Protein backbone atom coordinates (compact mmCIF):
# COMPACT_ATOMS: atom_id res chain seq x y z
CA UNK A 1 40.49 158.63 72.29
CA UNK A 2 41.48 156.43 69.34
CA UNK A 3 40.41 152.79 69.47
CA UNK A 4 43.14 150.69 71.04
CA UNK A 5 41.70 147.35 69.90
CA UNK A 6 43.19 145.29 67.10
CA UNK A 7 46.58 144.25 65.73
CA UNK A 8 49.43 146.26 67.23
CA UNK A 9 53.01 145.58 66.16
CA UNK A 10 55.75 145.62 68.76
CA UNK A 11 58.09 147.24 66.28
CA UNK A 12 61.85 146.72 66.15
CA UNK A 13 64.21 149.66 66.49
CA UNK A 14 66.29 149.75 63.28
CA UNK A 15 70.01 150.15 63.85
CA UNK A 16 73.04 150.61 61.68
CA UNK A 17 75.86 148.09 61.72
CA UNK A 18 77.59 149.94 64.57
CA UNK A 19 74.42 149.86 66.71
CA UNK A 20 73.38 153.49 66.18
CA UNK A 21 69.63 154.01 65.88
CA UNK A 22 68.69 154.46 62.20
CA UNK A 23 65.85 157.00 62.20
CA UNK A 24 65.52 156.97 58.41
CA UNK A 25 64.93 153.22 58.46
CA UNK A 26 62.47 153.70 61.33
CA UNK A 27 60.45 156.05 59.14
CA UNK A 28 60.41 153.58 56.23
CA UNK A 29 59.44 150.75 58.52
CA UNK A 30 56.59 152.60 60.24
CA UNK A 31 55.17 153.80 56.93
CA UNK A 32 55.29 150.23 55.59
CA UNK A 33 53.57 148.92 58.71
CA UNK A 34 50.72 151.41 58.33
CA UNK A 35 50.42 150.66 54.59
CA UNK A 36 50.22 146.96 55.43
CA UNK A 37 47.28 147.55 57.77
CA UNK A 38 48.65 147.37 61.30
CA UNK A 39 46.10 148.93 63.65
CA UNK A 40 48.75 150.53 65.84
CA UNK A 41 52.46 150.84 66.63
CA UNK A 42 54.08 149.85 69.92
CA UNK A 43 57.49 151.51 70.07
CA UNK A 44 60.47 150.78 72.35
CA UNK A 45 58.96 147.65 73.83
CA UNK A 46 60.95 144.47 74.38
CA UNK A 47 61.17 143.91 70.61
CA UNK A 48 62.43 147.48 70.25
CA UNK A 49 65.48 146.67 72.40
CA UNK A 50 64.42 149.14 75.05
CA UNK A 51 66.79 147.52 77.54
CA UNK A 52 69.85 148.71 75.60
CA UNK A 53 68.64 152.22 74.71
CA UNK A 54 69.72 154.99 77.04
CA UNK A 55 67.10 157.45 78.27
CA UNK A 56 67.86 160.04 75.59
CA UNK A 57 67.62 157.46 72.80
CA UNK A 58 64.47 155.94 74.30
CA UNK A 59 62.72 159.31 74.34
CA UNK A 60 64.04 160.23 70.88
CA UNK A 61 62.63 157.04 69.35
CA UNK A 62 59.25 157.75 70.96
CA UNK A 63 59.22 161.33 69.65
CA UNK A 64 60.19 160.24 66.14
CA UNK A 65 57.58 157.48 66.12
CA UNK A 66 54.84 159.95 67.02
CA UNK A 67 56.09 162.38 64.36
CA UNK A 68 56.21 159.75 61.64
CA UNK A 69 52.86 158.20 62.48
CA UNK A 70 51.28 161.67 62.46
CA UNK A 71 48.00 160.48 63.93
CA UNK A 72 47.31 157.81 61.33
CA UNK A 73 47.15 155.02 63.91
CA UNK A 74 47.54 154.92 67.70
CA UNK A 75 51.03 154.87 69.20
CA UNK A 76 51.78 153.02 72.43
CA UNK A 77 55.21 153.56 74.01
CA UNK A 78 57.03 151.09 76.20
CA UNK A 79 57.98 153.01 79.35
CA UNK A 80 58.47 150.30 81.95
CA UNK A 81 61.53 149.94 84.17
CA UNK A 82 62.55 148.07 87.29
CA UNK A 83 62.96 151.38 89.13
CA UNK A 84 59.70 153.24 89.71
CA UNK A 85 61.36 156.64 89.35
CA UNK A 86 62.76 155.66 85.95
CA UNK A 87 59.37 154.34 84.81
CA UNK A 88 57.81 157.66 85.80
CA UNK A 89 60.49 159.60 83.91
CA UNK A 90 60.03 157.55 80.71
CA UNK A 91 56.25 157.77 80.97
CA UNK A 92 56.46 161.55 81.36
CA UNK A 93 58.66 161.68 78.27
CA UNK A 94 56.15 159.60 76.28
CA UNK A 95 53.20 161.67 77.45
CA UNK A 96 55.00 164.87 76.41
CA UNK A 97 55.71 163.33 72.98
CA UNK A 98 52.00 162.75 72.44
CA UNK A 99 51.58 158.97 72.53
CA UNK A 100 48.11 157.51 72.97
CA UNK A 101 49.08 155.15 75.82
CA UNK A 102 52.07 153.68 77.63
CA UNK A 103 52.97 150.02 78.13
CA UNK A 104 54.78 149.23 81.38
CA UNK A 105 56.50 145.90 81.86
CA UNK A 106 56.64 144.41 85.34
CA UNK A 107 59.87 145.36 87.14
CA UNK A 108 62.51 142.80 86.24
CA UNK A 109 65.39 141.28 88.24
CA UNK A 110 64.48 142.80 91.63
CA UNK A 111 61.43 140.48 91.98
CA UNK A 112 58.87 142.67 93.79
CA UNK A 113 56.02 141.20 95.80
CA UNK A 114 52.44 141.55 94.56
CA UNK A 115 52.03 144.52 96.90
CA UNK A 116 55.20 146.02 95.46
CA UNK A 117 53.79 145.61 91.95
CA UNK A 118 50.55 147.29 92.97
CA UNK A 119 52.34 150.25 94.55
CA UNK A 120 54.74 150.56 91.59
CA UNK A 121 52.01 150.77 88.97
CA UNK A 122 49.80 152.95 91.14
CA UNK A 123 52.67 155.41 91.64
CA UNK A 124 53.35 155.69 87.90
CA UNK A 125 49.65 156.09 87.08
CA UNK A 126 49.20 158.81 89.70
CA UNK A 127 52.35 160.63 88.55
CA UNK A 128 51.52 160.76 84.83
CA UNK A 129 47.99 161.36 83.57
CA UNK A 130 48.03 159.17 80.46
CA UNK A 131 46.36 155.80 79.68
CA UNK A 132 48.61 153.00 80.89
CA UNK A 133 48.72 149.29 80.04
CA UNK A 134 50.18 146.69 82.37
CA UNK A 135 52.58 144.16 80.80
CA UNK A 136 53.11 140.73 82.30
CA UNK A 137 55.89 138.63 80.74
CA UNK A 138 57.32 136.42 83.50
CA UNK A 139 59.42 134.42 81.02
CA UNK A 140 61.63 137.49 80.67
CA UNK A 141 61.22 139.30 83.98
CA UNK A 142 61.00 136.44 86.53
CA UNK A 143 58.07 138.43 87.94
CA UNK A 144 54.52 137.19 87.48
CA UNK A 145 51.63 139.57 88.09
CA UNK A 146 48.76 137.67 89.69
CA UNK A 147 45.18 138.11 88.47
CA UNK A 148 44.25 139.61 91.83
CA UNK A 149 46.85 142.34 91.37
CA UNK A 150 45.55 143.13 87.88
CA UNK A 151 42.02 143.38 89.28
CA UNK A 152 43.19 145.76 92.02
CA UNK A 153 45.05 147.93 89.52
CA UNK A 154 42.10 148.05 87.11
CA UNK A 155 40.40 150.31 89.67
CA UNK A 156 43.06 152.98 89.08
CA UNK A 157 41.46 155.45 86.67
CA UNK A 158 44.09 155.61 83.94
CA UNK A 159 45.19 151.97 84.00
CA UNK A 160 43.22 150.74 81.01
CA UNK A 161 44.54 147.34 80.02
CA UNK A 162 46.88 144.37 80.31
CA UNK A 163 49.26 142.76 77.85
CA UNK A 164 49.47 139.11 78.90
CA UNK A 165 52.49 137.32 77.46
CA UNK A 166 52.21 134.25 79.68
CA UNK A 167 50.50 132.10 77.02
CA UNK A 168 48.27 130.75 79.79
CA UNK A 169 44.80 131.01 78.27
CA UNK A 170 43.13 129.90 81.49
CA UNK A 171 43.85 133.32 83.00
CA UNK A 172 41.62 135.15 80.52
CA UNK A 173 38.12 134.06 81.60
CA UNK A 174 38.95 134.59 85.27
CA UNK A 175 40.10 138.12 84.48
CA UNK A 176 37.38 139.06 82.03
CA UNK A 177 34.58 138.18 84.45
CA UNK A 178 36.00 140.44 87.19
CA UNK A 179 37.40 143.40 85.29
CA UNK A 180 35.47 146.60 84.60
CA UNK A 181 33.78 146.99 81.24
CA UNK A 182 36.15 148.44 78.68
CA UNK A 183 39.34 147.19 80.33
CA UNK A 184 41.51 145.99 77.43
CA UNK A 185 43.15 142.56 77.31
CA UNK A 186 45.95 142.03 74.80
CA UNK A 187 47.75 138.85 73.90
CA UNK A 188 51.51 139.16 74.02
CA UNK A 189 52.05 135.57 72.87
CA UNK A 190 51.65 135.19 69.12
CA UNK A 191 51.34 131.41 69.16
CA UNK A 192 48.19 131.52 71.33
CA UNK A 193 46.87 134.94 70.24
CA UNK A 194 44.10 133.58 68.00
CA UNK A 195 42.64 131.52 70.85
CA UNK A 196 43.06 134.46 73.21
CA UNK A 197 41.06 136.74 70.92
CA UNK A 198 38.34 134.18 70.26
CA UNK A 199 37.98 133.77 74.02
CA UNK A 200 37.28 137.48 74.52
CA UNK A 201 40.57 139.35 74.11
CA UNK A 202 40.70 142.83 72.59
CA UNK A 203 43.89 142.73 70.59
CA UNK A 204 47.44 141.52 70.17
CA UNK A 205 50.80 143.23 70.63
CA UNK A 206 52.77 141.14 68.21
CA UNK A 207 56.30 140.20 67.22
CA UNK A 208 55.08 138.33 64.12
CA UNK A 209 53.37 141.54 63.03
CA UNK A 210 56.82 142.92 62.23
CA UNK A 211 57.20 140.41 59.38
CA UNK A 212 53.60 139.67 58.35
CA UNK A 213 51.54 142.71 59.37
CA UNK A 214 48.80 142.25 56.78
CA UNK A 215 48.10 138.61 57.61
CA UNK A 216 48.33 139.30 61.33
CA UNK A 217 45.83 142.13 61.03
CA UNK A 218 43.46 139.96 58.98
CA UNK A 219 43.61 137.21 61.60
CA UNK A 220 43.02 139.62 64.47
CA UNK A 221 40.13 141.38 62.75
CA UNK A 222 38.44 138.07 61.94
CA UNK A 223 38.83 136.86 65.51
CA UNK A 224 37.41 140.09 66.93
CA UNK A 225 34.41 139.67 64.60
CA UNK A 226 34.00 136.06 65.83
CA UNK A 227 34.79 134.78 62.31
CA UNK A 228 36.58 131.73 63.64
CA UNK A 229 37.18 129.89 60.33
CA UNK A 230 38.96 132.90 58.79
CA UNK A 231 40.91 133.64 61.96
CA UNK A 232 42.13 130.06 62.23
CA UNK A 233 43.01 129.84 58.54
CA UNK A 234 45.31 132.86 58.76
CA UNK A 235 46.66 131.82 62.15
CA UNK A 236 47.65 128.45 60.70
CA UNK A 237 49.62 130.21 57.96
CA UNK A 238 51.51 132.17 60.64
CA UNK A 239 52.23 129.39 63.15
CA UNK A 240 55.65 128.66 61.67
CA UNK A 241 56.64 132.30 62.02
CA UNK A 242 55.28 132.44 65.57
CA UNK A 243 57.74 129.68 66.46
CA UNK A 244 60.77 130.57 64.33
CA UNK A 245 60.81 134.25 65.32
CA UNK A 246 61.80 132.97 68.77
CA UNK A 247 64.34 130.39 67.59
CA UNK A 248 66.90 132.79 69.07
CA UNK A 249 66.19 135.59 71.53
CA UNK A 250 63.71 138.10 70.14
CA UNK A 251 64.19 140.39 68.24
CA UNK A 252 67.20 138.63 66.68
CA UNK A 253 65.17 136.58 64.13
CA UNK A 254 62.77 139.47 63.40
CA UNK A 255 65.63 141.84 62.63
CA UNK A 256 67.26 139.27 60.35
CA UNK A 257 63.97 138.71 58.51
CA UNK A 258 63.32 142.44 58.07
CA UNK A 259 66.88 142.90 56.81
CA UNK A 260 66.35 140.05 54.33
CA UNK A 261 63.16 141.83 53.19
CA UNK A 262 65.22 144.99 52.55
CA UNK A 263 63.44 147.04 55.21
CA UNK A 264 66.19 147.66 57.79
CA UNK A 265 70.01 147.52 58.05
CA UNK A 266 71.76 144.68 59.85
CA UNK A 267 72.26 146.39 63.22
CA UNK A 268 71.59 144.99 66.69
CA UNK A 269 73.06 145.79 70.10
CA UNK A 270 75.08 143.63 72.40
CA UNK A 271 74.44 141.52 74.35
CA UNK A 272 72.18 140.44 71.47
CA UNK A 273 73.98 139.24 68.35
CA UNK A 274 72.97 138.75 64.72
CA UNK A 275 71.10 135.56 63.78
CA UNK A 276 73.44 132.60 63.47
CA UNK A 277 73.84 130.91 60.08
CA UNK A 278 72.46 127.71 61.60
CA UNK A 279 69.10 129.43 62.20
CA UNK A 280 68.84 131.35 58.94
CA UNK A 281 67.45 128.45 56.87
CA UNK A 282 64.66 127.76 59.39
CA UNK A 283 63.53 131.38 59.49
CA UNK A 284 63.77 131.75 55.70
CA UNK A 285 61.73 128.58 55.17
CA UNK A 286 58.90 129.72 57.42
CA UNK A 287 58.90 133.12 55.73
CA UNK A 288 58.41 131.33 52.38
CA UNK A 289 55.66 129.16 53.83
CA UNK A 290 53.87 132.30 55.03
CA UNK A 291 54.18 133.87 51.57
CA UNK A 292 56.79 136.45 52.57
CA UNK A 293 59.69 137.25 50.28
């Protein structure tokens, strides 16, 4: 199995002005990401607007991502849903497409108990024999996966990791000391990712990596090598982006920035809207500060 440690970009899904998925732009974007040094691609995650893609589009984007990447780096597909049957279906689709692993967000809106979360993830893992990564982002889902639930799920053979987007660094040592060797811990919060990695994390699944993949990869690599001065120097250069790429709901600012860089068209799907003029100057300024044209 390919190494799943390092700097993974939670890539946007390029769209035309009418909201149609732009597969040509997706190919350009993925090739640029790989050229810039990203260690892996996470497709149709939150940043990929998975919530507004129908099943056919979701699976098509996964298939095209695998085709374009052509084995150059690992591909992780977002296949989570708030219905267990739908999560199984999407995970089956991703496995058939040939991804290296799947990323499954906690069920949103229906607010399952911790036992419900355990049974949900266990059911998906038992139904589809592919490496699976848990994804905890309570700020979006209103569903927080407790450490104890993660520890229980880590005993399931093909559940191999956790993306933690809580930003709560205190969770990491408590998890690391009780998880099996080799269980992967990813930061899903760019602003605290450097500290997360220096404290024993294995990688980052990043929004900022969309805009600054090379610098993000340099920071992550340095942190994984325990080169704290280099990691912190690059992280400091990126802190403005970490903040401004969430000035409006993600991926609104990321898509605007990538469009400004000439990498994607100006398409996004309702209920998300294009970046407001009031926010453009702030995002543009932090791009300049980070050395991005």
